[in-house]
Amino acid sequence: MRTIFKAELADALGIRDLDRFPAATFNTGGGPVVVHFVDLELEIVLEKANRFACQVGFAHIPRHILGRDIVFSKYMLAFDERAQIIYYRESLG
């Protein structure tokens, strides 16, 4: 699964005209969604900042999707919804 952010975030980051980036169409429960892929540098801050180059998608979707390709390949995460806690550590691999 790819990491896909809402298209509005691309605009907030100064990424204009998503149509100039490579695109793919994904089928979802709500119908097909066109995703434009952009190479950028992402920073995840947990206990310390971790910055790395990656490719993320931008699409007109209702919420961001964190995919195995970036976030879950670098971090092991667990969610305790009742306690509102996220447990994490850097991946061992």
C-alpha atoms as a PDB file:
ATOM      1  CA  MET A   1       0.000   0.000   0.000  1.00  0.00           C
ATOM      2  CA  ARG A   2       1.271   3.433  -0.929  1.00  0.00           C
ATOM      3  CA  THR A   3       1.313   6.522   1.267  1.00  0.00           C
ATOM      4  CA  ILE A   4      -1.223   8.984  -0.117  1.00  0.00           C
ATOM      5  CA  PHE A   5      -1.943  12.450   1.233  1.00  0.00           C
ATOM      6  CA  LYS A   6      -4.894  14.696   0.531  1.00  0.00           C
ATOM      7  CA  ALA A   7      -4.336  16.982  -2.477  1.00  0.00           C
ATOM      8  CA  GLU A   8      -4.797  20.053  -0.273  1.00  0.00           C
ATOM      9  CA  LEU A   9      -1.538  19.199   1.507  1.00  0.00           C
ATOM     10  CA  ALA A  10       0.371  19.384  -1.789  1.00  0.00           C
ATOM     11  CA  ASP A  11      -0.895  22.920  -2.249  1.00  0.00           C
ATOM     12  CA  ALA A  12       0.070  23.840   1.331  1.00  0.00           C
ATOM     13  CA  LEU A  13       3.591  22.504   0.640  1.00  0.00           C
ATOM     14  CA  GLY A  14       3.887  24.664  -2.473  1.00  0.00           C
ATOM     15  CA  ILE A  15       3.480  21.753  -4.891  1.00  0.00           C
ATOM     16  CA  ARG A  16       1.382  23.178  -7.713  1.00  0.00           C
ATOM     17  CA  ASP A  17      -0.226  21.532 -10.738  1.00  0.00           C
ATOM     18  CA  LEU A  18      -0.255  17.881  -9.724  1.00  0.00           C
ATOM     19  CA  ASP A  19      -1.059  16.931 -13.323  1.00  0.00           C
ATOM     20  CA  ARG A  20       2.630  17.396 -14.227  1.00  0.00           C
ATOM     21  CA  PHE A  21       3.598  14.444 -11.985  1.00  0.00           C
ATOM     22  CA  PRO A  22       3.242  10.717 -12.863  1.00  0.00           C
ATOM     23  CA  ALA A  23      -0.198   9.349 -12.041  1.00  0.00           C
ATOM     24  CA  ALA A  24      -1.935   6.034 -11.480  1.00  0.00           C
ATOM     25  CA  THR A  25      -5.572   5.163 -10.923  1.00  0.00           C
ATOM     26  CA  PHE A  26      -6.535   3.088  -7.876  1.00  0.00           C
ATOM     27  CA  ASN A  27      -9.918   1.471  -7.391  1.00  0.00           C
ATOM     28  CA  THR A  28     -11.497   2.153  -4.000  1.00  0.00           C
ATOM     29  CA  GLY A  29     -14.836   1.454  -2.359  1.00  0.00           C
ATOM     30  CA  GLY A  30     -15.852   4.970  -3.381  1.00  0.00           C
ATOM     31  CA  GLY A  31     -14.784   4.490  -6.986  1.00  0.00           C
ATOM     32  CA  PRO A  32     -11.571   5.121  -8.914  1.00  0.00           C
ATOM     33  CA  VAL A  33      -9.090   7.673  -7.544  1.00  0.00           C
ATOM     34  CA  VAL A  34      -6.291   9.299  -9.545  1.00  0.00           C
ATOM     35  CA  VAL A  35      -3.079   9.574  -7.513  1.00  0.00           C
ATOM     36  CA  HIS A  36      -0.147  11.779  -8.543  1.00  0.00           C
ATOM     37  CA  PHE A  37       3.280  10.680  -7.266  1.00  0.00           C
ATOM     38  CA  VAL A  38       5.844  13.240  -6.117  1.00  0.00           C
ATOM     39  CA  ASP A  39       9.423  12.672  -4.952  1.00  0.00           C
ATOM     40  CA  LEU A  40      10.062  14.675  -1.806  1.00  0.00           C
ATOM     41  CA  GLU A  41      11.760  14.654   1.579  1.00  0.00           C
ATOM     42  CA  LEU A  42       9.615  13.586   4.508  1.00  0.00           C
ATOM     43  CA  GLU A  43      10.376  14.142   8.177  1.00  0.00           C
ATOM     44  CA  ILE A  44       8.820  12.014  10.902  1.00  0.00           C
ATOM     45  CA  VAL A  45       9.378  13.219  14.449  1.00  0.00           C
ATOM     46  CA  LEU A  46       8.820  10.761  17.269  1.00  0.00           C
ATOM     47  CA  GLU A  47      11.512  10.960  19.945  1.00  0.00           C
ATOM     48  CA  LYS A  48      13.904  12.411  17.379  1.00  0.00           C
ATOM     49  CA  ALA A  49      13.576  13.701  13.853  1.00  0.00           C
ATOM     50  CA  ASN A  50      14.050  11.219  11.030  1.00  0.00           C
ATOM     51  CA  ARG A  51      14.258  12.783   7.556  1.00  0.00           C
ATOM     52  CA  PHE A  52      14.406  10.725   4.357  1.00  0.00           C
ATOM     53  CA  ALA A  53      13.727  10.919   0.639  1.00  0.00           C
ATOM     54  CA  CYS A  54      10.592   9.140  -0.554  1.00  0.00           C
ATOM     55  CA  GLN A  55       7.763   9.186  -3.045  1.00  0.00           C
ATOM     56  CA  VAL A  56       4.256   9.971  -1.854  1.00  0.00           C
ATOM     57  CA  GLY A  57       0.970  10.254  -3.671  1.00  0.00           C
ATOM     58  CA  PHE A  58      -1.482  13.132  -3.603  1.00  0.00           C
ATOM     59  CA  ALA A  59      -5.159  12.663  -4.445  1.00  0.00           C
ATOM     60  CA  HIS A  60      -8.603  14.086  -3.809  1.00  0.00           C
ATOM     61  CA  ILE A  61      -9.436  11.804  -0.887  1.00  0.00           C
ATOM     62  CA  PRO A  62     -11.157  12.489   2.467  1.00  0.00           C
ATOM     63  CA  ARG A  63      -8.164  11.578   4.688  1.00  0.00           C
ATOM     64  CA  HIS A  64      -4.451  10.811   4.539  1.00  0.00           C
ATOM     65  CA  ILE A  65      -3.387   7.168   4.101  1.00  0.00           C
ATOM     66  CA  LEU A  66      -0.137   6.011   5.704  1.00  0.00           C
ATOM     67  CA  GLY A  67       1.174   3.114   3.677  1.00  0.00           C
ATOM     68  CA  ARG A  68       3.562   0.270   4.292  1.00  0.00           C
ATOM     69  CA  ASP A  69       5.904   1.674   1.651  1.00  0.00           C
ATOM     70  CA  ILE A  70       7.157   4.546   3.838  1.00  0.00           C
ATOM     71  CA  VAL A  71       5.846   4.765   7.384  1.00  0.00           C
ATOM     72  CA  PHE A  72       5.244   1.122   8.261  1.00  0.00           C
ATOM     73  CA  SER A  73       8.456  -0.058   6.620  1.00  0.00           C
ATOM     74  CA  LYS A  74      10.490   2.235   8.906  1.00  0.00           C
ATOM     75  CA  TYR A  75       8.479   2.064  12.148  1.00  0.00           C
ATOM     76  CA  MET A  76       6.611  -0.540  14.137  1.00  0.00           C
ATOM     77  CA  LEU A  77       3.395   1.053  15.356  1.00  0.00           C
ATOM     78  CA  ALA A  78       0.597  -0.072  17.629  1.00  0.00           C
ATOM     79  CA  PHE A  79      -2.560   1.843  18.494  1.00  0.00           C
ATOM     80  CA  ASP A  80      -4.462   1.666  21.784  1.00  0.00           C
ATOM     81  CA  GLU A  81      -7.599   3.530  20.792  1.00  0.00           C
ATOM     82  CA  ARG A  82      -9.295   3.401  24.192  1.00  0.00           C
ATOM     83  CA  ALA A  83      -6.261   4.876  25.964  1.00  0.00           C
ATOM     84  CA  GLN A  84      -5.519   7.206  23.011  1.00  0.00           C
ATOM     85  CA  ILE A  85      -1.873   6.025  22.921  1.00  0.00           C
ATOM     86  CA  ILE A  86       0.390   5.225  19.984  1.00  0.00           C
ATOM     87  CA  TYR A  87       3.316   2.894  20.662  1.00  0.00           C
ATOM     88  CA  TYR A  88       6.231   2.934  18.268  1.00  0.00           C
ATOM     89  CA  ARG A  89       9.834   2.050  17.666  1.00  0.00           C
ATOM     90  CA  GLU A  90      12.110   2.082  14.676  1.00  0.00           C
ATOM     91  CA  SER A  91      11.919  -1.072  12.636  1.00  0.00           C
ATOM     92  CA  LEU A  92      14.509  -3.724  13.389  1.00  0.00           C
ATOM     93  CA  GLY A  93      15.050  -4.468   9.691  1.00  0.00           C
END
